[in-house]
Amino acid sequence: PATSYHHIVKSPREEFERDLRFEGLIMMENKLKVQTKPTIMELQDARMKIVMITGDNMATAICVAKECGILGRTGKAVEIDLNEKGQLAWHDMAINSKAAQIHSGEDVKTFLENSRIRGYEIATTGKAWERIRQTIPALVPKLAENGAIFARMAPDQKQQVIVELQNLGFVVEKISDVA
């Protein structure tokens, strides 16, 4: 059946990844450019905040962010997303997510409000970003300030993060690999 682009983008991945029959495997790799990691390290050494805002899924974003040095400098990272019930949830990315304690609801609010957030690298999804903007907007600046990865972000959400960073006094430079 025909499906609109909007439906595909807004639908959960699981909607399309069910009742499938394995037909083959194709592996693709889009390697980092040689100068990417040294450039990011140089910017970080100059005490510049580097943030990845991408439409890619969280697993891809985390992999690329670790490879190029955006993620992993502190050794403490959490992922904020919506759980199966559609509630905000977070878990420590240093622990295998199957074994990690999943915190939800008020725990996310408490984590973001808590001063111990300093030193944590935060990865969040577009769905979690939107939920926080709608339900606890006072925490949006804290999430923007402490976020390292914003994955599965729609174009308007990418712009929202940029505007939020500018409102916090950051000078924002956007770099894109999109043609």
N, C-alpha and C. Protein backbone atom coordinates (compact mmCIF):
# COMPACT_ATOMS: atom_id res chain seq x y z
N PRO A 1 0.83 -1.20 0.00
CA PRO A 1 0.00 0.00 0.00
C PRO A 1 0.87 1.25 0.00
N ALA A 2 0.34 2.29 -0.59
CA ALA A 2 1.06 3.57 -0.65
C ALA A 2 1.12 4.20 0.73
N THR A 3 2.26 4.80 1.04
CA THR A 3 2.47 5.46 2.32
C THR A 3 3.10 6.81 2.06
N SER A 4 2.63 7.83 2.75
CA SER A 4 3.19 9.16 2.55
C SER A 4 4.51 9.31 3.29
N TYR A 5 5.34 10.20 2.80
CA TYR A 5 6.62 10.50 3.44
C TYR A 5 6.40 10.93 4.88
N HIS A 6 5.41 11.79 5.11
CA HIS A 6 5.11 12.30 6.45
C HIS A 6 4.78 11.14 7.40
N HIS A 7 4.00 10.18 6.92
CA HIS A 7 3.63 9.02 7.75
C HIS A 7 4.88 8.21 8.11
N ILE A 8 5.75 8.01 7.14
CA ILE A 8 6.96 7.23 7.38
C ILE A 8 7.85 7.92 8.42
N VAL A 9 8.05 9.22 8.29
CA VAL A 9 8.93 9.96 9.21
C VAL A 9 8.37 9.97 10.62
N LYS A 10 7.07 10.11 10.76
CA LYS A 10 6.44 10.24 12.08
C LYS A 10 6.12 8.91 12.74
N SER A 11 6.19 7.80 11.99
CA SER A 11 5.83 6.49 12.53
C SER A 11 7.00 5.85 13.25
N PRO A 12 6.71 5.06 14.28
CA PRO A 12 7.79 4.36 14.98
C PRO A 12 8.42 3.30 14.08
N ARG A 13 9.69 3.12 14.25
CA ARG A 13 10.45 2.16 13.45
C ARG A 13 9.81 0.76 13.51
N GLU A 14 9.32 0.40 14.70
CA GLU A 14 8.73 -0.92 14.91
C GLU A 14 7.54 -1.18 14.00
N GLU A 15 6.84 -0.12 13.58
CA GLU A 15 5.69 -0.29 12.70
C GLU A 15 6.09 -0.92 11.37
N PHE A 16 7.30 -0.62 10.92
CA PHE A 16 7.76 -1.12 9.64
C PHE A 16 8.63 -2.37 9.78
N GLU A 17 9.12 -2.63 10.97
CA GLU A 17 10.03 -3.75 11.19
C GLU A 17 9.31 -4.90 11.89
N ARG A 18 8.19 -5.33 11.35
CA ARG A 18 7.47 -6.48 11.89
C ARG A 18 6.95 -7.31 10.73
N ASP A 19 6.72 -8.57 11.03
CA ASP A 19 6.20 -9.50 10.02
C ASP A 19 7.05 -9.49 8.75
N LEU A 20 8.35 -9.48 8.93
CA LEU A 20 9.27 -9.44 7.79
C LEU A 20 9.84 -10.83 7.52
N ARG A 21 10.29 -11.05 6.31
CA ARG A 21 10.96 -12.28 5.93
C ARG A 21 12.37 -11.90 5.48
N PHE A 22 13.37 -12.53 6.07
CA PHE A 22 14.75 -12.22 5.75
C PHE A 22 15.06 -12.63 4.32
N GLU A 23 15.55 -11.70 3.53
CA GLU A 23 15.88 -11.95 2.13
C GLU A 23 17.36 -11.79 1.85
N GLY A 24 18.07 -11.12 2.72
CA GLY A 24 19.49 -10.89 2.49
C GLY A 24 19.99 -9.79 3.40
N LEU A 25 21.27 -9.56 3.34
CA LEU A 25 21.89 -8.56 4.20
C LEU A 25 22.80 -7.68 3.37
N ILE A 26 22.64 -6.40 3.52
CA ILE A 26 23.51 -5.43 2.87
C ILE A 26 24.11 -4.58 3.98
N MET A 27 25.42 -4.44 3.96
CA MET A 27 26.07 -3.59 4.95
C MET A 27 26.68 -2.40 4.23
N MET A 28 26.43 -1.24 4.79
CA MET A 28 27.00 -0.02 4.23
C MET A 28 27.73 0.71 5.35
N GLU A 29 28.77 1.40 4.99
CA GLU A 29 29.51 2.18 5.96
C GLU A 29 29.84 3.54 5.35
N ASN A 30 29.53 4.55 6.09
CA ASN A 30 29.86 5.91 5.67
C ASN A 30 30.93 6.39 6.65
N LYS A 31 32.18 6.25 6.26
CA LYS A 31 33.29 6.56 7.17
C LYS A 31 33.41 8.05 7.39
N LEU A 32 33.94 8.38 8.57
CA LEU A 32 34.24 9.78 8.88
C LEU A 32 35.32 10.28 7.93
N LYS A 33 35.26 11.55 7.63
CA LYS A 33 36.35 12.16 6.86
C LYS A 33 37.58 12.19 7.76
N VAL A 34 38.74 12.10 7.16
CA VAL A 34 40.00 12.04 7.91
C VAL A 34 40.15 13.21 8.87
N GLN A 35 39.71 14.39 8.46
CA GLN A 35 39.93 15.59 9.27
C GLN A 35 38.85 15.79 10.35
N THR A 36 37.81 14.96 10.38
CA THR A 36 36.70 15.18 11.31
C THR A 36 37.14 15.10 12.77
N LYS A 37 37.74 13.98 13.17
CA LYS A 37 38.11 13.80 14.58
C LYS A 37 39.13 14.84 15.04
N PRO A 38 40.22 15.09 14.29
CA PRO A 38 41.17 16.12 14.73
C PRO A 38 40.54 17.51 14.83
N THR A 39 39.63 17.82 13.93
CA THR A 39 38.96 19.12 13.97
C THR A 39 38.09 19.24 15.21
N ILE A 40 37.34 18.20 15.52
CA ILE A 40 36.50 18.23 16.71
C ILE A 40 37.36 18.32 17.96
N MET A 41 38.46 17.59 18.00
CA MET A 41 39.36 17.67 19.16
C MET A 41 39.93 19.07 19.32
N GLU A 42 40.29 19.70 18.23
CA GLU A 42 40.84 21.06 18.27
C GLU A 42 39.79 22.04 18.81
N LEU A 43 38.56 21.90 18.35
CA LEU A 43 37.48 22.77 18.83
C LEU A 43 37.21 22.53 20.31
N GLN A 44 37.22 21.27 20.74
CA GLN A 44 37.02 20.96 22.15
C GLN A 44 38.16 21.48 23.00
N ASP A 45 39.39 21.38 22.50
CA ASP A 45 40.54 21.91 23.23
C ASP A 45 40.44 23.42 23.39
N ALA A 46 39.76 24.07 22.45
CA ALA A 46 39.52 25.52 22.54
C ALA A 46 38.30 25.82 23.42
N ARG A 47 37.79 24.78 24.10
CA ARG A 47 36.66 24.88 25.04
C ARG A 47 35.35 25.26 24.35
N MET A 48 35.21 24.80 23.11
CA MET A 48 33.96 25.02 22.39
C MET A 48 33.05 23.81 22.60
N LYS A 49 31.77 24.08 22.76
CA LYS A 49 30.78 23.02 22.94
C LYS A 49 30.42 22.46 21.57
N ILE A 50 30.55 21.17 21.41
CA ILE A 50 30.22 20.50 20.16
C ILE A 50 28.96 19.67 20.39
N VAL A 51 27.96 19.87 19.55
CA VAL A 51 26.68 19.18 19.68
C VAL A 51 26.34 18.55 18.34
N MET A 52 25.82 17.34 18.37
CA MET A 52 25.33 16.69 17.16
C MET A 52 23.80 16.74 17.19
N ILE A 53 23.22 17.35 16.17
CA ILE A 53 21.77 17.38 16.01
C ILE A 53 21.49 16.71 14.67
N THR A 54 20.85 15.55 14.71
CA THR A 54 20.72 14.73 13.51
C THR A 54 19.34 14.10 13.39
N GLY A 55 18.99 13.78 12.19
CA GLY A 55 17.76 13.03 11.95
C GLY A 55 17.99 11.53 12.05
N ASP A 56 19.25 11.12 12.13
CA ASP A 56 19.58 9.69 12.22
C ASP A 56 19.05 9.09 13.52
N ASN A 57 18.95 7.76 13.54
CA ASN A 57 18.49 7.10 14.76
C ASN A 57 19.56 7.20 15.84
N MET A 58 19.15 6.94 17.08
CA MET A 58 20.03 7.13 18.22
C MET A 58 21.27 6.24 18.14
N ALA A 59 21.11 4.98 17.75
CA ALA A 59 22.26 4.08 17.70
C ALA A 59 23.32 4.58 16.72
N THR A 60 22.90 5.05 15.57
CA THR A 60 23.83 5.60 14.59
C THR A 60 24.51 6.86 15.13
N ALA A 61 23.72 7.74 15.72
CA ALA A 61 24.26 9.00 16.26
C ALA A 61 25.29 8.73 17.35
N ILE A 62 24.99 7.80 18.25
CA ILE A 62 25.92 7.48 19.34
C ILE A 62 27.21 6.90 18.78
N CYS A 63 27.09 6.00 17.83
CA CYS A 63 28.27 5.38 17.21
C CYS A 63 29.17 6.43 16.57
N VAL A 64 28.59 7.31 15.77
CA VAL A 64 29.36 8.36 15.10
C VAL A 64 29.94 9.33 16.13
N ALA A 65 29.15 9.70 17.13
CA ALA A 65 29.62 10.65 18.14
C ALA A 65 30.79 10.09 18.94
N LYS A 66 30.76 8.80 19.24
CA LYS A 66 31.89 8.17 19.94
C LYS A 66 33.12 8.14 19.03
N GLU A 67 32.90 7.77 17.77
CA GLU A 67 34.02 7.64 16.83
C GLU A 67 34.73 8.97 16.60
N CYS A 68 33.97 10.06 16.55
CA CYS A 68 34.61 11.35 16.25
C CYS A 68 34.95 12.15 17.52
N GLY A 69 34.63 11.62 18.70
CA GLY A 69 35.05 12.26 19.93
C GLY A 69 34.05 13.24 20.53
N ILE A 70 32.86 13.34 19.97
CA ILE A 70 31.84 14.22 20.56
C ILE A 70 31.34 13.61 21.87
N LEU A 71 31.25 12.30 21.92
CA LEU A 71 30.74 11.59 23.09
C LEU A 71 31.84 10.72 23.66
N GLY A 72 31.94 10.68 24.96
CA GLY A 72 32.89 9.79 25.59
C GLY A 72 34.01 10.46 26.35
N ARG A 73 34.07 11.78 26.33
CA ARG A 73 35.16 12.47 27.02
C ARG A 73 35.02 12.39 28.53
N THR A 74 33.78 12.38 29.05
CA THR A 74 33.59 12.35 30.51
C THR A 74 33.44 10.94 31.04
N GLY A 75 33.07 10.00 30.19
CA GLY A 75 32.83 8.64 30.65
C GLY A 75 31.46 8.46 31.28
N LYS A 76 30.68 9.54 31.37
CA LYS A 76 29.35 9.46 31.97
C LYS A 76 28.34 9.99 30.95
N ALA A 77 27.45 9.11 30.49
CA ALA A 77 26.48 9.53 29.49
C ALA A 77 25.14 8.86 29.75
N VAL A 78 24.08 9.60 29.47
CA VAL A 78 22.73 9.05 29.60
C VAL A 78 21.96 9.31 28.31
N GLU A 79 21.00 8.43 28.05
CA GLU A 79 20.11 8.57 26.91
C GLU A 79 18.70 8.83 27.43
N ILE A 80 18.07 9.88 26.92
CA ILE A 80 16.69 10.21 27.29
C ILE A 80 15.81 9.96 26.07
N ASP A 81 14.75 9.20 26.28
CA ASP A 81 13.82 8.87 25.19
C ASP A 81 12.45 8.60 25.82
N LEU A 82 11.51 8.20 25.00
CA LEU A 82 10.21 7.77 25.50
C LEU A 82 10.23 6.24 25.60
N ASN A 83 9.67 5.71 26.68
CA ASN A 83 9.60 4.25 26.82
C ASN A 83 8.41 3.69 26.06
N GLU A 84 8.16 2.39 26.21
CA GLU A 84 7.08 1.73 25.49
C GLU A 84 5.71 2.32 25.82
N LYS A 85 5.58 2.90 27.01
CA LYS A 85 4.31 3.50 27.43
C LYS A 85 4.20 4.96 27.01
N GLY A 86 5.21 5.46 26.31
CA GLY A 86 5.20 6.85 25.87
C GLY A 86 5.61 7.83 26.94
N GLN A 87 6.24 7.33 28.01
CA GLN A 87 6.71 8.19 29.11
C GLN A 87 8.20 8.50 28.92
N LEU A 88 8.59 9.66 29.43
CA LEU A 88 10.02 9.99 29.41
C LEU A 88 10.77 8.96 30.24
N ALA A 89 11.92 8.55 29.73
CA ALA A 89 12.74 7.58 30.44
C ALA A 89 14.21 7.85 30.12
N TRP A 90 15.08 7.48 31.05
CA TRP A 90 16.51 7.62 30.78
C TRP A 90 17.25 6.41 31.32
N HIS A 91 18.39 6.13 30.72
CA HIS A 91 19.27 5.09 31.24
C HIS A 91 20.72 5.48 30.98
N ASP A 92 21.58 4.90 31.78
CA ASP A 92 23.01 5.14 31.68
C ASP A 92 23.53 4.39 30.47
N MET A 93 24.16 5.10 29.53
CA MET A 93 24.66 4.46 28.31
C MET A 93 25.93 3.66 28.55
N ALA A 94 26.58 3.84 29.69
CA ALA A 94 27.79 3.08 29.97
C ALA A 94 27.46 1.63 30.29
N ILE A 95 26.19 1.38 30.60
CA ILE A 95 25.73 0.04 30.94
C ILE A 95 24.94 -0.49 29.75
N ASN A 96 25.07 -1.76 29.48
CA ASN A 96 24.25 -2.38 28.43
C ASN A 96 22.79 -2.06 28.72
N SER A 97 22.08 -1.53 27.74
CA SER A 97 20.71 -1.08 27.97
C SER A 97 19.78 -2.19 28.43
N LYS A 98 20.10 -3.45 28.12
CA LYS A 98 19.26 -4.54 28.60
C LYS A 98 19.45 -4.74 30.11
N ALA A 99 20.63 -4.41 30.62
CA ALA A 99 20.90 -4.59 32.04
C ALA A 99 20.72 -3.30 32.82
N ALA A 100 20.63 -2.19 32.13
CA ALA A 100 20.56 -0.89 32.80
C ALA A 100 19.23 -0.69 33.48
N GLN A 101 19.28 0.00 34.60
CA GLN A 101 18.03 0.40 35.25
C GLN A 101 17.44 1.53 34.43
N ILE A 102 16.21 1.38 34.02
CA ILE A 102 15.53 2.40 33.25
C ILE A 102 14.77 3.29 34.22
N HIS A 103 15.05 4.56 34.18
CA HIS A 103 14.38 5.52 35.04
C HIS A 103 13.32 6.23 34.20
N SER A 104 12.18 6.53 34.79
CA SER A 104 11.15 7.17 33.99
C SER A 104 10.42 8.25 34.76
N GLY A 105 9.52 8.93 34.04
CA GLY A 105 8.64 9.93 34.64
C GLY A 105 9.38 11.00 35.40
N GLU A 106 9.06 11.13 36.68
CA GLU A 106 9.66 12.16 37.52
C GLU A 106 11.16 12.01 37.63
N ASP A 107 11.68 10.78 37.44
CA ASP A 107 13.13 10.57 37.51
C ASP A 107 13.86 11.41 36.46
N VAL A 108 13.27 11.55 35.28
CA VAL A 108 13.90 12.35 34.22
C VAL A 108 13.94 13.81 34.65
N LYS A 109 12.82 14.29 35.18
CA LYS A 109 12.75 15.67 35.66
C LYS A 109 13.78 15.89 36.77
N THR A 110 13.83 14.97 37.72
CA THR A 110 14.77 15.08 38.83
C THR A 110 16.20 15.07 38.32
N PHE A 111 16.50 14.17 37.37
CA PHE A 111 17.85 14.10 36.82
C PHE A 111 18.24 15.42 36.17
N LEU A 112 17.34 15.97 35.35
CA LEU A 112 17.66 17.22 34.65
C LEU A 112 17.78 18.39 35.62
N GLU A 113 16.98 18.39 36.68
CA GLU A 113 17.03 19.48 37.66
C GLU A 113 18.25 19.39 38.56
N ASN A 114 18.71 18.18 38.78
CA ASN A 114 19.77 17.92 39.74
C ASN A 114 21.10 18.51 39.27
N SER A 115 21.83 19.05 40.20
CA SER A 115 23.11 19.67 39.86
C SER A 115 24.13 18.63 39.38
N ARG A 116 23.91 17.35 39.67
CA ARG A 116 24.87 16.33 39.23
C ARG A 116 24.86 16.15 37.72
N ILE A 117 23.96 16.85 37.05
CA ILE A 117 23.92 16.77 35.59
C ILE A 117 25.25 17.23 34.98
N ARG A 118 25.93 18.13 35.66
CA ARG A 118 27.23 18.58 35.17
C ARG A 118 28.17 17.37 35.10
N GLY A 119 28.83 17.23 34.02
CA GLY A 119 29.71 16.09 33.84
C GLY A 119 29.08 14.95 33.08
N TYR A 120 27.77 14.97 32.94
CA TYR A 120 27.09 13.95 32.14
C TYR A 120 26.92 14.44 30.72
N GLU A 121 27.12 13.56 29.78
CA GLU A 121 26.82 13.85 28.38
C GLU A 121 25.43 13.27 28.13
N ILE A 122 24.56 14.06 27.55
CA ILE A 122 23.18 13.63 27.37
C ILE A 122 22.88 13.45 25.89
N ALA A 123 22.26 12.32 25.58
CA ALA A 123 21.74 12.05 24.24
C ALA A 123 20.23 11.97 24.37
N THR A 124 19.53 12.68 23.52
CA THR A 124 18.07 12.65 23.58
C THR A 124 17.49 12.53 22.17
N THR A 125 16.27 12.07 22.11
CA THR A 125 15.58 11.93 20.83
C THR A 125 14.64 13.09 20.59
N GLY A 126 14.21 13.22 19.35
CA GLY A 126 13.23 14.26 19.01
C GLY A 126 11.94 14.09 19.78
N LYS A 127 11.53 12.84 19.99
CA LYS A 127 10.29 12.59 20.74
C LYS A 127 10.44 13.05 22.19
N ALA A 128 11.57 12.75 22.81
CA ALA A 128 11.80 13.18 24.20
C ALA A 128 11.91 14.70 24.27
N TRP A 129 12.61 15.30 23.31
CA TRP A 129 12.74 16.77 23.26
C TRP A 129 11.35 17.40 23.22
N GLU A 130 10.50 16.89 22.34
CA GLU A 130 9.15 17.44 22.20
C GLU A 130 8.34 17.26 23.48
N ARG A 131 8.44 16.10 24.10
CA ARG A 131 7.70 15.84 25.34
C ARG A 131 8.16 16.78 26.46
N ILE A 132 9.45 16.99 26.57
CA ILE A 132 9.97 17.90 27.60
C ILE A 132 9.51 19.32 27.31
N ARG A 133 9.54 19.73 26.04
CA ARG A 133 9.06 21.08 25.68
C ARG A 133 7.59 21.26 26.05
N GLN A 134 6.79 20.20 25.89
CA GLN A 134 5.36 20.29 26.16
C GLN A 134 5.01 20.19 27.64
N THR A 135 5.72 19.33 28.37
CA THR A 135 5.31 19.03 29.74
C THR A 135 6.15 19.69 30.83
N ILE A 136 7.41 19.90 30.58
CA ILE A 136 8.28 20.57 31.57
C ILE A 136 9.19 21.57 30.85
N PRO A 137 8.59 22.59 30.25
CA PRO A 137 9.37 23.54 29.43
C PRO A 137 10.47 24.26 30.19
N ALA A 138 10.35 24.36 31.50
CA ALA A 138 11.40 25.03 32.28
C ALA A 138 12.72 24.27 32.20
N LEU A 139 12.68 23.00 31.83
CA LEU A 139 13.90 22.20 31.76
C LEU A 139 14.54 22.19 30.37
N VAL A 140 13.88 22.79 29.39
CA VAL A 140 14.42 22.81 28.03
C VAL A 140 15.81 23.47 27.99
N PRO A 141 16.01 24.61 28.64
CA PRO A 141 17.35 25.21 28.61
C PRO A 141 18.42 24.29 29.20
N LYS A 142 18.10 23.58 30.28
CA LYS A 142 19.06 22.67 30.90
C LYS A 142 19.41 21.52 29.95
N LEU A 143 18.39 21.01 29.26
CA LEU A 143 18.62 19.94 28.30
C LEU A 143 19.47 20.43 27.13
N ALA A 144 19.16 21.61 26.62
CA ALA A 144 19.94 22.17 25.51
C ALA A 144 21.38 22.42 25.93
N GLU A 145 21.56 22.97 27.12
CA GLU A 145 22.91 23.30 27.60
C GLU A 145 23.75 22.05 27.83
N ASN A 146 23.14 20.98 28.30
CA ASN A 146 23.89 19.77 28.66
C ASN A 146 23.81 18.67 27.61
N GLY A 147 23.06 18.89 26.55
CA GLY A 147 22.92 17.87 25.52
C GLY A 147 24.16 17.76 24.65
N ALA A 148 24.52 16.54 24.29
CA ALA A 148 25.62 16.29 23.37
C ALA A 148 25.10 15.75 22.04
N ILE A 149 24.04 14.94 22.12
CA ILE A 149 23.46 14.34 20.92
C ILE A 149 21.95 14.55 20.95
N PHE A 150 21.43 15.02 19.85
CA PHE A 150 19.99 15.15 19.65
C PHE A 150 19.70 14.34 18.39
N ALA A 151 19.10 13.15 18.56
CA ALA A 151 18.89 12.23 17.44
C ALA A 151 17.42 12.12 17.07
N ARG A 152 17.16 11.66 15.84
CA ARG A 152 15.79 11.53 15.32
C ARG A 152 15.05 12.86 15.44
N MET A 153 15.76 13.93 15.14
CA MET A 153 15.19 15.27 15.23
C MET A 153 14.64 15.69 13.87
N ALA A 154 13.43 16.22 13.88
CA ALA A 154 12.83 16.79 12.68
C ALA A 154 13.48 18.15 12.43
N PRO A 155 13.41 18.69 11.21
CA PRO A 155 14.02 19.98 10.93
C PRO A 155 13.59 21.10 11.88
N ASP A 156 12.32 21.16 12.24
CA ASP A 156 11.87 22.21 13.16
C ASP A 156 12.45 22.01 14.56
N GLN A 157 12.66 20.77 14.96
CA GLN A 157 13.26 20.50 16.27
C GLN A 157 14.74 20.88 16.27
N LYS A 158 15.42 20.65 15.16
CA LYS A 158 16.82 21.07 15.05
C LYS A 158 16.92 22.58 15.24
N GLN A 159 16.03 23.30 14.60
CA GLN A 159 16.01 24.76 14.73
C GLN A 159 15.71 25.18 16.17
N GLN A 160 14.82 24.47 16.84
CA GLN A 160 14.48 24.78 18.23
C GLN A 160 15.70 24.64 19.14
N VAL A 161 16.49 23.59 18.93
CA VAL A 161 17.70 23.40 19.73
C VAL A 161 18.67 24.55 19.48
N ILE A 162 18.86 24.91 18.23
CA ILE A 162 19.76 26.01 17.88
C ILE A 162 19.31 27.31 18.54
N VAL A 163 18.03 27.62 18.43
CA VAL A 163 17.49 28.85 19.04
C VAL A 163 17.67 28.81 20.56
N GLU A 164 17.42 27.66 21.16
CA GLU A 164 17.58 27.53 22.62
C GLU A 164 19.03 27.77 23.02
N LEU A 165 19.97 27.22 22.27
CA LEU A 165 21.39 27.45 22.57
C LEU A 165 21.74 28.93 22.42
N GLN A 166 21.22 29.57 21.38
CA GLN A 166 21.45 31.01 21.20
C GLN A 166 20.86 31.80 22.36
N ASN A 167 19.68 31.42 22.82
CA ASN A 167 19.05 32.09 23.96
C ASN A 167 19.88 31.95 25.24
N LEU A 168 20.67 30.88 25.31
CA LEU A 168 21.55 30.67 26.46
C LEU A 168 22.87 31.41 26.32
N GLY A 169 23.05 32.11 25.21
CA GLY A 169 24.26 32.90 25.02
C GLY A 169 25.33 32.23 24.18
N PHE A 170 25.05 31.05 23.66
CA PHE A 170 26.02 30.38 22.81
C PHE A 170 25.99 31.00 21.42
N VAL A 171 27.17 31.12 20.82
CA VAL A 171 27.26 31.48 19.42
C VAL A 171 27.23 30.16 18.66
N VAL A 172 26.27 30.01 17.78
CA VAL A 172 26.03 28.72 17.14
C VAL A 172 26.48 28.75 15.69
N GLU A 173 27.27 27.77 15.32
CA GLU A 173 27.68 27.56 13.93
C GLU A 173 27.13 26.21 13.52
N LYS A 174 26.40 26.17 12.46
CA LYS A 174 25.80 24.93 11.99
C LYS A 174 26.61 24.39 10.82
N ILE A 175 26.97 23.12 10.93
CA ILE A 175 27.68 22.45 9.85
C ILE A 175 26.84 21.26 9.45
N SER A 176 26.68 21.07 8.15
CA SER A 176 25.83 19.99 7.67
C SER A 176 26.53 19.24 6.56
N ASP A 177 26.26 17.94 6.50
CA ASP A 177 26.80 17.15 5.39
C ASP A 177 25.77 16.94 4.30
N VAL A 178 24.63 17.59 4.44
CA VAL A 178 23.57 17.45 3.45
C VAL A 178 23.92 18.30 2.24
N ALA A 179 23.75 17.71 1.06
CA ALA A 179 24.07 18.43 -0.18
C ALA A 179 23.08 19.54 -0.45
